């Protein structure tokens, strides 16, 4: 009995140790980490983001704020900073927008390994004050915001990992021959509101950007369409330039285009089949000098041709044939500030059975006078009572302002973001 008692005691002690280990084990450790098959946090799936282990409290520059809830981010925005503070090694998102920073030296980025996003927008940075290669060393960087600065040239070299580059509202007038080389992962490039002209694009700087999906060149000095754009392009913004024509077959190599914005240019004549694109959803050609319409692809949903010189909407040009098996998807047309004397022919509703709204607004008269059609806004699928109301008092029930239609114009964000 003595030996059995000793064995029982040993067994109980062993069971107690095992139970204590079980009780102390934190099962959440196994589930806090994402499974291996999931991509890293919302960015480039080809660049594996490593989340470093670091002690608490988290290291943070004294000029900035590092919230415990977002341990990989450092917020230094809106603090009247004139220089970039030293960046802790673990930071992945760095926010320095809306300061008075004039230069980008190498020192603050010396030990940074994991940085994936930098926002330096709304500062005073000049091209010659950016240390050569300071960004190129950041091998995990995928998003760089430099809009609203004073850059005169494209900041290069840049890391090959980069996916989104925003350079709008600068003074960029030059793109050196190799500025855009070595950027195979760029999907979005914003160069709106700069000083780019046709001579800058003669070298076909975008032709090798095989993954580029969005290109913003609005508010520059272009007089011709940018040459040799990559076939991957889906969103193209060319508003507020001085482009006067679109070469025939220009879009043949851009079959993936979803949204095209060319308002506020000098377009006069467009070859009928220019926009025969299978995926086009939004087309904005407002504020040009067009005299007639053109072929409308079956995929198109929103068409803006306001403020042109169109006197008659020729539906046959827009829709040369009707295919019951492949119905046109057009739902909205804006045609105000043209020279229309009559509404669009009712034949349009056979070609475009999904039309819901036609905004006629005011039309331009012959002697700088505006005229108004009987129904400034046509809305389809009204009840008889609603139709009578429109007939009796369209001003009261369906008066729409320019601001209302600017909102319609933002079917996609101005920068397609």
Protein backbone atom coordinates (compact mmCIF):
# COMPACT_ATOMS: atom_id res chain seq x y z
CA UNK A 1 0.00 0.00 0.00
CA UNK A 2 2.91 2.34 0.74
CA UNK A 3 4.33 1.96 -2.78
CA UNK A 4 0.88 2.46 -4.39
CA UNK A 5 0.34 5.57 -2.28
CA UNK A 6 3.64 7.04 -3.50
CA UNK A 7 2.78 6.25 -7.14
CA UNK A 8 -0.64 7.88 -6.71
CA UNK A 9 0.94 11.02 -5.24
CA UNK A 10 3.43 11.25 -8.14
CA UNK A 11 0.62 10.80 -10.68
CA UNK A 12 -1.44 13.55 -9.04
CA UNK A 13 1.54 15.94 -9.06
CA UNK A 14 2.18 15.24 -12.77
CA UNK A 15 -1.49 15.83 -13.61
CA UNK A 16 -1.45 19.11 -11.67
CA UNK A 17 1.61 20.34 -13.65
CA UNK A 18 -0.03 19.46 -16.97
CA UNK A 19 -3.27 21.16 -15.93
CA UNK A 20 -1.42 24.33 -14.88
CA UNK A 21 0.41 24.46 -18.23
CA UNK A 22 -2.93 24.03 -20.00
CA UNK A 23 -4.55 26.76 -17.90
CA UNK A 24 -1.68 29.22 -18.51
CA UNK A 25 -1.56 28.62 -22.28
CA UNK A 26 -2.95 31.54 -24.30
CA UNK A 27 -4.80 30.08 -27.25
CA UNK A 28 -5.26 33.56 -28.72
CA UNK A 29 -1.59 33.54 -29.71
CA UNK A 30 -2.43 31.04 -32.44
CA UNK A 31 -5.32 33.08 -33.81
CA UNK A 32 -3.98 36.62 -33.55
CA UNK A 33 -1.89 36.10 -36.67
CA UNK A 34 -3.52 35.95 -40.08
CA UNK A 35 -3.38 32.61 -41.89
CA UNK A 36 -0.42 32.20 -44.23
CA UNK A 37 -2.61 32.10 -47.34
CA UNK A 38 -4.00 35.62 -46.81
CA UNK A 39 -2.27 38.59 -48.49
CA UNK A 40 -0.68 41.30 -46.35
CA UNK A 41 -2.60 44.40 -45.35
CA UNK A 42 -4.40 45.80 -48.43
CA UNK A 43 -1.33 46.46 -50.55
CA UNK A 44 0.88 44.64 -53.05
CA UNK A 45 0.43 40.88 -52.70
CA UNK A 46 3.88 40.32 -54.17
CA UNK A 47 5.56 42.17 -51.33
CA UNK A 48 5.15 40.29 -48.07
CA UNK A 49 4.74 42.71 -45.20
CA UNK A 50 6.56 41.64 -42.07
CA UNK A 51 5.13 42.90 -38.79
CA UNK A 52 8.08 43.36 -36.45
CA UNK A 53 7.91 42.64 -32.74
CA UNK A 54 8.53 45.69 -30.64
CA UNK A 55 8.23 46.52 -26.94
CA UNK A 56 5.52 48.70 -25.48
CA UNK A 57 5.29 51.65 -25.21
CA UNK A 58 5.88 52.00 -28.96
CA UNK A 59 8.79 54.16 -30.06
CA UNK A 60 7.57 57.39 -31.63
CA UNK A 61 9.06 60.71 -32.71
CA UNK A 62 8.29 63.33 -30.09
CA UNK A 63 6.78 65.64 -32.72
CA UNK A 64 4.27 62.97 -33.79
CA UNK A 65 1.53 60.70 -32.51
CA UNK A 66 1.64 56.90 -32.63
CA UNK A 67 -1.74 55.52 -31.51
CA UNK A 68 -1.56 52.15 -29.73
CA UNK A 69 -4.53 50.99 -31.81
CA UNK A 70 -2.44 51.47 -34.97
CA UNK A 71 1.08 50.54 -33.88
CA UNK A 72 2.52 50.57 -37.41
CA UNK A 73 1.45 54.18 -38.16
CA UNK A 74 3.03 57.50 -37.21
CA UNK A 75 0.95 60.68 -37.54
CA UNK A 76 2.93 63.90 -37.97
CA UNK A 77 0.43 65.87 -40.05
CA UNK A 78 -0.82 69.44 -39.44
CA UNK A 79 1.99 70.24 -36.98
CA UNK A 80 3.84 73.09 -38.75
CA UNK A 81 6.91 70.89 -39.09
CA UNK A 82 9.79 72.26 -41.17
CA UNK A 83 11.83 69.05 -41.17
CA UNK A 84 11.10 65.32 -41.26
CA UNK A 85 11.58 63.71 -37.82
CA UNK A 86 13.51 60.48 -37.36
CA UNK A 87 11.36 57.49 -38.22
CA UNK A 88 11.32 54.40 -35.97
CA UNK A 89 12.25 51.17 -37.72
CA UNK A 90 8.85 49.48 -37.24
CA UNK A 91 6.72 52.21 -38.92
CA UNK A 92 4.85 51.20 -42.08
CA UNK A 93 2.56 54.22 -42.62
CA UNK A 94 4.01 57.72 -42.28
CA UNK A 95 1.74 60.77 -42.44
CA UNK A 96 3.50 64.14 -42.85
CA UNK A 97 0.94 66.06 -44.90
CA UNK A 98 0.02 69.71 -44.32
CA UNK A 99 3.29 70.94 -42.87
CA UNK A 100 6.04 73.37 -43.96
CA UNK A 101 8.59 70.74 -44.99
CA UNK A 102 10.96 71.94 -47.74
CA UNK A 103 13.44 69.07 -48.08
CA UNK A 104 13.63 65.27 -47.99
CA UNK A 105 17.04 64.30 -46.56
CA UNK A 106 18.36 60.76 -46.17
CA UNK A 107 18.95 60.78 -42.40
CA UNK A 108 15.36 60.26 -41.16
CA UNK A 109 15.02 57.19 -43.41
CA UNK A 110 18.36 55.59 -42.47
CA UNK A 111 17.04 52.60 -40.50
CA UNK A 112 13.58 52.36 -42.05
CA UNK A 113 12.93 48.91 -43.51
CA UNK A 114 9.18 48.29 -43.47
CA UNK A 115 7.79 51.64 -44.69
CA UNK A 116 4.91 51.05 -47.14
CA UNK A 117 3.13 54.42 -47.36
CA UNK A 118 4.42 58.00 -47.16
CA UNK A 119 2.18 61.05 -47.31
CA UNK A 120 4.14 64.27 -47.88
CA UNK A 121 1.35 66.17 -49.62
CA UNK A 122 0.66 69.87 -48.96
CA UNK A 123 4.21 70.85 -48.12
CA UNK A 124 6.87 73.04 -49.82
CA UNK A 125 9.20 70.42 -51.26
CA UNK A 126 11.33 71.31 -54.29
CA UNK A 127 12.97 68.79 -56.62
CA UNK A 128 16.56 69.79 -55.83
CA UNK A 129 15.84 69.45 -52.09
CA UNK A 130 15.03 65.73 -52.41
CA UNK A 131 18.19 63.68 -51.82
CA UNK A 132 18.88 61.53 -54.87
CA UNK A 133 17.72 57.96 -54.26
CA UNK A 134 16.17 58.60 -50.84
CA UNK A 135 12.92 56.88 -51.85
CA UNK A 136 14.57 54.20 -54.01
CA UNK A 137 16.08 52.57 -50.91
CA UNK A 138 12.62 51.89 -49.45
CA UNK A 139 12.12 48.45 -50.96
CA UNK A 140 8.63 47.92 -49.48
CA UNK A 141 7.14 51.32 -50.40
CA UNK A 142 3.90 50.97 -52.37
CA UNK A 143 2.21 54.38 -52.00
CA UNK A 144 3.78 57.83 -52.19
CA UNK A 145 1.84 61.12 -51.88
CA UNK A 146 3.70 64.23 -53.07
CA UNK A 147 0.80 66.29 -54.42
CA UNK A 148 0.54 70.01 -53.60
CA UNK A 149 4.27 70.70 -53.38
CA UNK A 150 6.73 72.72 -55.50
CA UNK A 151 8.41 69.95 -57.48
CA UNK A 152 9.72 71.11 -60.86
CA UNK A 153 10.74 67.65 -62.05
CA UNK A 154 9.61 64.07 -61.62
CA UNK A 155 11.24 62.72 -58.40
CA UNK A 156 13.41 59.76 -59.40
CA UNK A 157 14.72 57.16 -58.87
CA UNK A 158 11.84 55.43 -57.10
CA UNK A 159 11.54 51.88 -55.72
CA UNK A 160 10.26 49.15 -58.05
CA UNK A 161 7.71 48.15 -55.38
CA UNK A 162 5.73 51.39 -55.87
CA UNK A 163 2.06 50.98 -56.91
CA UNK A 164 0.43 54.40 -56.43
CA UNK A 165 2.20 57.69 -57.08
CA UNK A 166 0.42 61.03 -56.64
CA UNK A 167 2.20 64.12 -58.00
CA UNK A 168 -0.71 66.45 -58.75
CA UNK A 169 -0.56 70.20 -58.08
CA UNK A 170 3.17 70.66 -58.53
CA UNK A 171 5.25 72.53 -61.13
CA UNK A 172 6.51 69.52 -63.06
CA UNK A 173 7.46 70.43 -66.62
CA UNK A 174 10.04 67.72 -67.27
CA UNK A 175 10.15 63.94 -67.38
CA UNK A 176 13.71 62.74 -67.89
CA UNK A 177 14.17 59.80 -70.25
CA UNK A 178 14.50 57.20 -67.50
CA UNK A 179 12.27 58.79 -64.86
CA UNK A 180 9.52 56.17 -65.21
CA UNK A 181 11.74 53.17 -65.88
CA UNK A 182 12.01 50.47 -63.27
CA UNK A 183 8.43 50.93 -62.03
CA UNK A 184 6.73 47.70 -63.17
CA UNK A 185 4.10 47.69 -60.41
CA UNK A 186 2.66 51.20 -60.87
CA UNK A 187 -1.13 50.97 -61.23
CA UNK A 188 -2.08 54.61 -60.52
CA UNK A 189 -0.17 57.74 -61.60
CA UNK A 190 -1.55 61.23 -60.93
CA UNK A 191 0.14 64.12 -62.76
CA UNK A 192 -2.81 66.53 -62.86
CA UNK A 193 -2.25 70.26 -62.43
CA UNK A 194 1.33 70.48 -63.61
CA UNK A 195 3.09 72.08 -66.63
CA UNK A 196 3.43 69.10 -68.94
CA UNK A 197 3.24 69.75 -72.69
CA UNK A 198 3.49 67.60 -75.82
CA UNK A 199 7.29 67.79 -76.00
CA UNK A 200 7.56 66.08 -72.61
CA UNK A 201 5.54 63.09 -73.86
CA UNK A 202 7.37 62.60 -77.17
CA UNK A 203 9.61 60.01 -75.53
CA UNK A 204 6.51 57.88 -74.81
CA UNK A 205 7.21 57.72 -71.06
CA UNK A 206 4.15 55.60 -70.18
CA UNK A 207 4.57 52.87 -72.81
CA UNK A 208 6.49 50.46 -70.56
CA UNK A 209 4.18 50.74 -67.56
CA UNK A 210 2.46 47.42 -68.25
CA UNK A 211 0.32 47.44 -65.09
CA UNK A 212 -0.86 51.05 -65.26
CA UNK A 213 -4.63 51.20 -64.80
CA UNK A 214 -5.22 54.88 -64.01
CA UNK A 215 -3.49 57.90 -65.56
CA UNK A 216 -4.44 61.46 -64.61
CA UNK A 217 -3.09 64.22 -66.87
CA UNK A 218 -5.79 66.83 -66.32
CA UNK A 219 -4.94 70.55 -66.12
CA UNK A 220 -1.71 70.48 -68.09
CA UNK A 221 -0.65 72.01 -71.43
CA UNK A 222 -1.29 69.11 -73.79
CA UNK A 223 -2.44 69.82 -77.35
CA UNK A 224 -2.43 66.23 -78.60
CA UNK A 225 -3.38 62.86 -77.14
CA UNK A 226 -0.56 61.21 -75.12
CA UNK A 227 1.20 58.61 -77.30
CA UNK A 228 1.59 54.87 -76.72
CA UNK A 229 -0.41 54.40 -73.56
CA UNK A 230 -0.30 50.84 -72.17
CA UNK A 231 -3.16 48.47 -73.00
CA UNK A 232 -3.76 47.89 -69.27
CA UNK A 233 -5.23 51.39 -68.86
CA UNK A 234 -8.79 51.60 -67.47
CA UNK A 235 -9.20 55.25 -66.33
CA UNK A 236 -7.88 58.22 -68.33
CA UNK A 237 -8.27 61.83 -67.23
CA UNK A 238 -7.37 64.57 -69.75
CA UNK A 239 -9.67 67.43 -68.69
CA UNK A 240 -8.59 71.05 -68.99
CA UNK A 241 -5.97 70.74 -71.69
CA UNK A 242 -5.95 72.11 -75.26
CA UNK A 243 -6.46 68.87 -77.20
CA UNK A 244 -8.15 69.57 -80.54
CA UNK A 245 -8.46 66.11 -82.09
CA UNK A 246 -8.35 62.39 -81.39
CA UNK A 247 -6.41 60.37 -83.99
CA UNK A 248 -8.40 57.72 -85.80
CA UNK A 249 -8.07 54.27 -84.17
CA UNK A 250 -6.38 55.89 -81.15
CA UNK A 251 -8.34 53.73 -78.69
CA UNK A 252 -7.86 50.45 -80.56
CA UNK A 253 -4.98 49.59 -78.25
CA UNK A 254 -6.91 50.58 -75.11
CA UNK A 255 -9.77 48.05 -74.96
CA UNK A 256 -10.00 48.09 -71.16
CA UNK A 257 -10.94 51.77 -70.81
CA UNK A 258 -13.85 52.17 -68.36
CA UNK A 259 -13.88 55.93 -67.86
CA UNK A 260 -12.65 58.68 -70.18
CA UNK A 261 -12.73 62.34 -69.22
CA UNK A 262 -11.87 64.98 -71.81
CA UNK A 263 -14.02 67.95 -70.81
CA UNK A 264 -12.68 71.50 -71.25
CA UNK A 265 -10.58 70.87 -74.37
CA UNK A 266 -10.82 72.09 -77.97
CA UNK A 267 -12.34 69.02 -79.62
CA UNK A 268 -14.32 69.82 -82.77
CA UNK A 269 -14.73 66.72 -84.93
CA UNK A 270 -14.60 63.15 -83.66
CA UNK A 271 -14.50 60.19 -86.07
CA UNK A 272 -17.77 58.33 -85.69
CA UNK A 273 -16.39 55.05 -84.30
CA UNK A 274 -13.73 56.60 -82.06
CA UNK A 275 -15.32 55.31 -78.87
CA UNK A 276 -16.16 51.80 -80.01
CA UNK A 277 -14.87 50.41 -76.73
CA UNK A 278 -16.34 47.26 -75.14
CA UNK A 279 -16.00 48.32 -71.49
CA UNK A 280 -16.58 52.08 -71.54
CA UNK A 281 -19.03 53.19 -68.80
CA UNK A 282 -18.43 56.94 -68.49
CA UNK A 283 -17.61 59.41 -71.27
CA UNK A 284 -17.26 63.12 -70.52
CA UNK A 285 -16.73 65.44 -73.50
CA UNK A 286 -18.43 68.49 -72.04
CA UNK A 287 -17.14 72.02 -72.66
CA UNK A 288 -15.62 71.40 -76.09
CA UNK A 289 -16.56 72.58 -79.61
CA UNK A 290 -18.34 69.51 -80.95
CA UNK A 291 -20.91 70.04 -83.71
CA UNK A 292 -22.32 66.52 -83.92
CA UNK A 293 -22.58 63.31 -81.95
CA UNK A 294 -20.85 59.98 -82.57
CA UNK A 295 -21.26 56.24 -82.08
CA UNK A 296 -22.20 55.24 -78.53
CA UNK A 297 -20.79 51.87 -77.39
CA UNK A 298 -23.32 49.45 -75.93
CA UNK A 299 -21.59 49.42 -72.54
CA UNK A 300 -21.77 53.20 -71.99
CA UNK A 301 -23.99 54.37 -69.10
CA UNK A 302 -23.19 58.08 -68.56
CA UNK A 303 -22.65 60.54 -71.42
CA UNK A 304 -21.71 64.21 -70.91
CA UNK A 305 -21.68 66.44 -73.99
CA UNK A 306 -22.86 69.71 -72.41
CA UNK A 307 -21.55 73.11 -73.53
CA UNK A 308 -20.74 72.23 -77.14
CA UNK A 309 -22.07 73.50 -80.48
CA UNK A 310 -24.48 70.66 -81.23
CA UNK A 311 -27.68 71.73 -83.01
CA UNK A 312 -29.24 68.31 -83.66
CA UNK A 313 -28.80 64.98 -81.84
CA UNK A 314 -28.59 62.47 -84.68
CA UNK A 315 -29.71 59.24 -83.00
CA UNK A 316 -28.77 57.17 -86.04
CA UNK A 317 -25.13 58.18 -85.64
CA UNK A 318 -25.28 57.25 -81.98
CA UNK A 319 -27.08 53.97 -82.63
CA UNK A 320 -26.80 52.72 -86.23
CA UNK A 321 -28.50 49.40 -85.42
CA UNK A 322 -30.60 47.72 -82.73
CA UNK A 323 -29.63 44.35 -81.36
CA UNK A 324 -32.25 42.86 -78.98
CA UNK A 325 -29.63 40.40 -77.73
CA UNK A 326 -27.12 43.16 -76.90
CA UNK A 327 -29.03 46.15 -75.54
CA UNK A 328 -27.42 49.56 -75.08
CA UNK A 329 -26.89 50.43 -71.41
CA UNK A 330 -27.05 54.24 -71.64
CA UNK A 331 -29.01 55.66 -68.68
CA UNK A 332 -28.02 59.35 -68.44
CA UNK A 333 -27.30 62.09 -71.01
CA UNK A 334 -26.38 65.68 -70.31
CA UNK A 335 -26.82 68.01 -73.31
CA UNK A 336 -27.38 71.47 -71.79
CA UNK A 337 -25.61 74.57 -73.15
CA UNK A 338 -25.69 73.36 -76.75
CA UNK A 339 -27.79 74.80 -79.59
CA UNK A 340 -30.70 72.38 -79.56
CA UNK A 341 -34.05 73.67 -80.76
CA UNK A 342 -35.93 70.40 -80.18
CA UNK A 343 -35.71 67.44 -77.78
CA UNK A 344 -34.01 64.23 -78.80
CA UNK A 345 -36.10 62.05 -81.13
CA UNK A 346 -38.23 59.42 -79.43
CA UNK A 347 -36.42 56.87 -81.61
CA UNK A 348 -33.66 57.14 -79.01
CA UNK A 349 -35.77 55.09 -76.60
CA UNK A 350 -35.75 52.14 -78.99
CA UNK A 351 -31.97 52.30 -79.24
CA UNK A 352 -31.40 53.14 -75.57
CA UNK A 353 -34.21 51.47 -73.61
CA UNK A 354 -32.48 52.06 -70.26
CA UNK A 355 -32.39 55.87 -70.50
CA UNK A 356 -33.73 57.38 -67.29
CA UNK A 357 -32.67 61.04 -67.46
CA UNK A 358 -31.88 63.55 -70.20
CA UNK A 359 -30.77 66.93 -68.88
CA UNK A 360 -31.50 69.64 -71.44
CA UNK A 361 -31.13 72.62 -69.12
CA UNK A 362 -30.68 75.89 -71.01
CA UNK A 363 -29.58 75.97 -74.64
CA UNK A 364 -27.40 78.63 -76.23
CA UNK A 365 -29.23 80.97 -78.58
CA UNK A 366 -27.87 82.56 -81.74
CA UNK A 367 -27.10 86.00 -80.27
CA UNK A 368 -25.55 85.11 -76.93
CA UNK A 369 -28.98 84.42 -75.53
CA UNK A 370 -30.04 81.28 -73.75
CA UNK A 371 -33.23 79.44 -74.59
CA UNK A 372 -35.04 76.69 -72.79
CA UNK A 373 -36.81 73.66 -74.15
CA UNK A 374 -40.29 72.84 -72.89
CA UNK A 375 -38.92 70.13 -70.60
CA UNK A 376 -35.44 71.04 -69.23
CA UNK A 377 -35.17 67.65 -67.52
CA UNK A 378 -36.67 64.54 -69.03
CA UNK A 379 -37.22 61.75 -66.53
CA UNK A 380 -38.43 58.41 -67.75
CA UNK A 381 -40.90 56.04 -66.10
CA UNK A 382 -43.07 58.80 -64.60
CA UNK A 383 -46.66 58.17 -63.56
CA UNK A 384 -49.33 60.08 -65.54
CA UNK A 385 -49.79 62.42 -62.57
CA UNK A 386 -46.06 63.12 -62.37
CA UNK A 387 -45.92 63.74 -66.11
CA UNK A 388 -48.75 66.29 -65.85
CA UNK A 389 -46.89 68.07 -63.08
CA UNK A 390 -43.78 68.30 -65.23
CA UNK A 391 -45.83 69.68 -68.12
CA UNK A 392 -47.61 72.24 -65.94
CA UNK A 393 -44.70 73.50 -63.89
CA UNK A 394 -41.30 72.08 -64.75
CA UNK A 395 -39.56 75.01 -63.07
CA UNK A 396 -41.02 74.14 -59.68
CA UNK A 397 -40.78 70.39 -59.76
CA UNK A 398 -37.66 69.67 -61.79
CA UNK A 399 -35.44 72.71 -61.66
CA UNK A 400 -31.83 71.51 -61.43
CA UNK A 401 -28.78 73.69 -60.96
CA UNK A 402 -25.29 73.48 -62.42
CA UNK A 403 -24.06 72.22 -59.05
CA UNK A 404 -26.51 69.33 -59.20
CA UNK A 405 -24.98 68.22 -62.46
CA UNK A 406 -21.44 68.71 -61.32
CA UNK A 407 -22.37 66.13 -58.69
CA UNK A 408 -23.64 63.87 -61.48
CA UNK A 409 -20.35 64.50 -63.23
CA UNK A 410 -18.56 62.96 -60.27
CA UNK A 411 -19.90 59.52 -61.06
CA UNK A 412 -16.27 58.61 -60.61
CA UNK A 413 -14.09 60.62 -58.27
CA UNK A 414 -12.26 63.48 -60.08
CA UNK A 415 -9.08 61.51 -59.53
CA UNK A 416 -10.83 58.14 -59.91
CA UNK A 417 -9.66 57.13 -56.43
